[in-house]
Amino acid sequence: MNNILSFLEELAANNHKEWMDENRKRYTEVREEFIGAIDQLLLELKKYDPALSAITAKECIFRINRDVRFSKDKSPYKINMSAFISPEGKKTMGPGYYLHIQPGECFLAGGIYMPPNDVLKKIRQEIDYNPEPFTAFLADKKVKQLFGSISGESLVRPPKGYAEDHPQIDLLKMKSFIIQHPLSNKEVVAPNFISKVADYFSLMLPMHQYLRLAMENE
């Protein structure tokens, strides 16, 4: 991961096409290194999350090119490398495991980000009818120690159909369900990095199983 961090640091200082063209070979090499790391990570994740059995690393990795059509910032490239691992890869509305590599701003996360209204409605229904598996996961001592509390945008008022005094009103107000953990550059370049990330991700499985089950609701 050292090569990846070094490349991204230089890219951040030279975010233009001319520099990328001159360093295209380096980019190809660090991209292949990142793909290899995600391949290793998938091997570990598939041991405990069989829903990932058919997915490949290339289906999980985001492009480095930015979509600048509607942005004031016209920098052509992202200054990070990232992957979203789910049964459908990065192209999903469901929950998954996210790894973000950026010098000084590395982190991992899990959960579901801004699901569409029909999916959000199903998750809220599951929280209303069957909150215990989710609340027990969030109350787990190790989960709280590593990830803190759940984060994401939240409604100011209760969603339609739910009372303000509902025992799970804080969860019901959520529009995303995310947990995350920061990673230092030192952790990222350590020999045990992939196994450590896999251990963090393994703790997220009960949440992902709960959210997947909720999405299957009629």
Protein backbone atom coordinates (compact mmCIF):
# COMPACT_ATOMS: atom_id res chain seq x y z
CA MET A 1 0.00 0.00 0.00
CA ASN A 2 3.02 2.28 0.30
CA ASN A 3 3.16 2.76 -3.47
CA ILE A 4 -0.55 3.58 -3.56
CA LEU A 5 -0.28 6.22 -0.85
CA SER A 6 2.76 7.81 -2.53
CA PHE A 7 1.03 7.92 -5.89
CA LEU A 8 -2.13 9.45 -4.46
CA GLU A 9 -0.14 12.08 -2.58
CA GLU A 10 1.56 13.15 -5.80
CA LEU A 11 -1.73 13.05 -7.70
CA ALA A 12 -3.30 15.40 -5.14
CA ALA A 13 -0.55 17.93 -5.88
CA ASN A 14 -0.75 17.42 -9.67
CA ASN A 15 -4.39 16.79 -10.42
CA HIS A 16 -4.43 17.36 -14.18
CA LYS A 17 -4.43 15.24 -17.33
CA GLU A 18 -0.88 16.08 -18.38
CA TRP A 19 0.58 14.70 -15.15
CA MET A 20 -1.61 11.59 -15.34
CA ASP A 21 -0.58 10.96 -18.94
CA GLU A 22 3.08 11.13 -17.91
CA ASN A 23 2.43 8.78 -14.98
CA ARG A 24 -0.04 6.42 -16.63
CA LYS A 25 2.26 3.41 -16.17
CA ARG A 26 2.56 4.14 -12.42
CA TYR A 27 -1.21 4.50 -12.16
CA THR A 28 -1.73 1.15 -13.89
CA GLU A 29 0.71 -0.48 -11.46
CA VAL A 30 -0.88 0.95 -8.30
CA ARG A 31 -4.37 0.15 -9.61
CA GLU A 32 -3.31 -3.47 -10.11
CA GLU A 33 -1.86 -3.46 -6.61
CA PHE A 34 -5.17 -2.19 -5.23
CA ILE A 35 -7.11 -4.82 -7.19
CA GLY A 36 -4.79 -7.45 -5.72
CA ALA A 37 -5.44 -6.15 -2.21
CA ILE A 38 -9.21 -6.28 -2.73
CA ASP A 39 -8.86 -9.80 -4.16
CA GLN A 40 -7.08 -10.82 -0.94
CA LEU A 41 -9.74 -9.10 1.13
CA LEU A 42 -12.52 -10.89 -0.75
CA LEU A 43 -10.89 -14.25 -0.06
CA GLU A 44 -11.13 -13.46 3.65
CA LEU A 45 -14.65 -12.01 3.52
CA LYS A 46 -16.07 -14.97 1.57
CA LYS A 47 -15.10 -17.27 4.45
CA TYR A 48 -17.87 -15.81 6.62
CA ASP A 49 -20.16 -13.97 4.17
CA PRO A 50 -21.22 -16.48 1.48
CA ALA A 51 -23.41 -13.84 -0.19
CA LEU A 52 -20.15 -12.48 -1.67
CA SER A 53 -19.19 -15.78 -3.32
CA ALA A 54 -19.70 -14.67 -6.94
CA ILE A 55 -18.26 -11.14 -6.80
CA THR A 56 -14.81 -10.11 -8.07
CA ALA A 57 -12.51 -7.26 -7.04
CA LYS A 58 -12.89 -5.42 -10.34
CA GLU A 59 -16.66 -5.24 -9.80
CA CYS A 60 -16.09 -3.47 -6.46
CA ILE A 61 -13.48 -0.84 -7.33
CA PHE A 62 -14.45 2.72 -8.24
CA ARG A 63 -13.02 4.61 -11.20
CA ILE A 64 -10.42 7.26 -10.47
CA ASN A 65 -11.97 9.69 -12.97
CA ARG A 66 -14.34 12.22 -11.42
CA ASP A 67 -17.69 13.18 -12.90
CA VAL A 68 -17.21 16.95 -13.17
CA ARG A 69 -20.32 17.78 -15.19
CA PHE A 70 -22.20 19.34 -12.27
CA SER A 71 -19.25 20.27 -10.05
CA LYS A 72 -17.49 23.58 -9.59
CA ASP A 73 -14.32 21.60 -8.90
CA LYS A 74 -13.10 20.52 -12.33
CA SER A 75 -10.17 18.41 -11.06
CA PRO A 76 -10.34 15.37 -13.33
CA TYR A 77 -9.26 12.70 -10.84
CA LYS A 78 -10.22 11.46 -7.40
CA ILE A 79 -7.35 11.59 -4.93
CA ASN A 80 -8.33 8.30 -3.34
CA MET A 81 -8.76 4.66 -4.26
CA SER A 82 -11.83 2.96 -2.92
CA ALA A 83 -13.95 -0.17 -3.16
CA PHE A 84 -17.49 -1.08 -2.16
CA ILE A 85 -17.90 -4.80 -1.58
CA SER A 86 -21.40 -6.23 -1.73
CA PRO A 87 -23.08 -9.22 -3.42
CA GLU A 88 -23.66 -6.97 -6.47
CA GLY A 89 -20.34 -5.13 -6.28
CA LYS A 90 -20.31 -1.34 -6.25
CA LYS A 91 -23.49 -1.07 -8.34
CA THR A 92 -26.00 -1.77 -5.63
CA MET A 93 -28.62 -0.05 -3.48
CA GLY A 94 -27.97 -2.54 -0.69
CA PRO A 95 -25.54 -2.72 2.23
CA GLY A 96 -21.84 -3.43 1.84
CA TYR A 97 -18.28 -3.00 3.06
CA TYR A 98 -16.39 0.14 2.00
CA LEU A 99 -12.61 0.73 2.01
CA HIS A 100 -11.22 4.21 1.33
CA ILE A 101 -7.49 4.76 0.78
CA GLN A 102 -6.35 8.41 0.83
CA PRO A 103 -3.19 9.74 2.48
CA GLY A 104 -4.09 10.98 5.95
CA GLU A 105 -7.80 10.24 5.43
CA CYS A 106 -8.07 6.46 5.17
CA PHE A 107 -11.08 4.73 6.68
CA LEU A 108 -13.37 1.74 6.39
CA ALA A 109 -17.13 1.71 6.69
CA GLY A 110 -20.15 -0.50 6.36
CA GLY A 111 -23.91 -0.30 6.05
CA ILE A 112 -26.21 1.34 3.55
CA TYR A 113 -25.96 4.92 2.28
CA MET A 114 -29.06 6.92 1.29
CA PRO A 115 -31.20 4.01 0.07
CA PRO A 116 -34.13 4.87 -2.21
CA ASN A 117 -37.48 5.48 -0.53
CA ASP A 118 -38.90 2.01 -1.15
CA VAL A 119 -35.83 0.36 0.42
CA LEU A 120 -35.75 2.84 3.32
CA LYS A 121 -39.42 2.11 3.99
CA LYS A 122 -38.65 -1.62 4.25
CA ILE A 123 -35.75 -1.01 6.64
CA ARG A 124 -37.96 1.16 8.84
CA GLN A 125 -40.63 -1.51 8.81
CA GLU A 126 -38.11 -4.10 9.99
CA ILE A 127 -36.89 -1.76 12.75
CA ASP A 128 -40.50 -1.24 13.83
CA TYR A 129 -41.42 -4.94 13.84
CA ASN A 130 -38.13 -6.59 14.78
CA PRO A 131 -35.62 -4.12 16.27
CA GLU A 132 -33.80 -6.47 18.65
CA PRO A 133 -31.15 -7.93 16.28
CA PHE A 134 -30.19 -4.44 15.10
CA THR A 135 -30.21 -2.76 18.53
CA ALA A 136 -28.23 -5.67 20.00
CA PHE A 137 -25.63 -5.27 17.24
CA LEU A 138 -25.31 -1.52 17.88
CA ALA A 139 -25.06 -2.12 21.65
CA ASP A 140 -22.28 -4.71 21.30
CA LYS A 141 -19.26 -3.57 23.31
CA LYS A 142 -16.71 -4.27 20.57
CA VAL A 143 -18.87 -2.65 17.87
CA LYS A 144 -19.26 0.49 20.00
CA GLN A 145 -15.55 0.56 20.80
CA LEU A 146 -14.44 0.31 17.16
CA PHE A 147 -17.21 2.11 15.29
CA GLY A 148 -18.98 4.29 17.85
CA SER A 149 -22.61 5.00 17.04
CA ILE A 150 -24.42 4.71 13.74
CA SER A 151 -24.13 7.78 11.51
CA GLY A 152 -25.84 9.27 8.50
CA GLU A 153 -28.34 11.95 7.62
CA SER A 154 -31.45 11.98 9.76
CA LEU A 155 -34.94 13.46 9.58
CA VAL A 156 -35.88 16.26 11.96
CA ARG A 157 -39.39 14.91 12.46
CA PRO A 158 -40.59 11.28 12.65
CA PRO A 159 -41.23 9.60 9.29
CA LYS A 160 -44.86 9.26 8.26
CA GLY A 161 -46.67 6.59 10.25
CA TYR A 162 -44.37 6.64 13.30
CA ALA A 163 -44.93 8.46 16.60
CA GLU A 164 -42.35 10.73 18.23
CA ASP A 165 -42.35 8.49 21.32
CA HIS A 166 -41.62 5.28 19.38
CA PRO A 167 -38.87 3.42 21.31
CA GLN A 168 -36.71 3.25 18.15
CA ILE A 169 -37.52 6.72 16.84
CA ASP A 170 -33.85 7.73 16.48
CA LEU A 171 -33.20 4.77 14.18
CA LEU A 172 -36.46 5.29 12.33
CA LYS A 173 -35.46 8.87 11.54
CA MET A 174 -32.23 7.77 9.88
CA LYS A 175 -31.90 8.13 6.10
CA SER A 176 -28.60 6.20 6.03
CA PHE A 177 -27.24 3.50 8.30
CA ILE A 178 -23.44 3.75 8.39
CA ILE A 179 -20.70 2.73 10.79
CA GLN A 180 -17.05 3.60 10.16
CA HIS A 181 -13.56 3.46 11.57
CA PRO A 182 -10.54 5.64 10.72
CA LEU A 183 -7.27 4.10 9.58
CA SER A 184 -3.83 5.66 9.91
CA ASN A 185 -1.27 5.57 7.11
CA LYS A 186 0.84 3.38 9.39
CA GLU A 187 -1.95 0.81 9.66
CA VAL A 188 -2.51 0.83 5.90
CA VAL A 189 1.12 -0.02 5.06
CA ALA A 190 1.43 -2.69 7.79
CA PRO A 191 1.90 -6.33 6.65
CA ASN A 192 -1.30 -7.42 8.43
CA PHE A 193 -3.47 -4.67 6.91
CA ILE A 194 -5.79 -6.90 4.86
CA SER A 195 -6.40 -9.36 7.69
CA LYS A 196 -7.08 -6.45 10.05
CA VAL A 197 -9.63 -4.93 7.65
CA ALA A 198 -11.26 -8.35 7.25
CA ASP A 199 -11.57 -8.61 11.04
CA TYR A 200 -13.24 -5.19 11.22
CA PHE A 201 -15.59 -6.10 8.38
CA SER A 202 -16.48 -9.44 9.99
CA LEU A 203 -18.03 -7.53 12.90
CA MET A 204 -20.40 -5.81 10.46
CA LEU A 205 -21.96 -9.02 9.16
CA PRO A 206 -24.96 -9.08 11.57
CA MET A 207 -25.90 -5.55 10.47
CA HIS A 208 -25.63 -6.44 6.79
CA GLN A 209 -27.68 -9.61 7.27
CA TYR A 210 -30.34 -7.59 9.07
CA LEU A 211 -30.47 -4.96 6.32
CA ARG A 212 -30.54 -7.58 3.57
CA LEU A 213 -33.42 -9.34 5.30
CA ALA A 214 -35.29 -6.05 5.61
CA MET A 215 -34.90 -5.43 1.88
CA GLU A 216 -36.57 -8.76 1.14
CA ASN A 217 -39.79 -7.63 2.87
CA GLU A 218 -42.89 -7.28 0.74
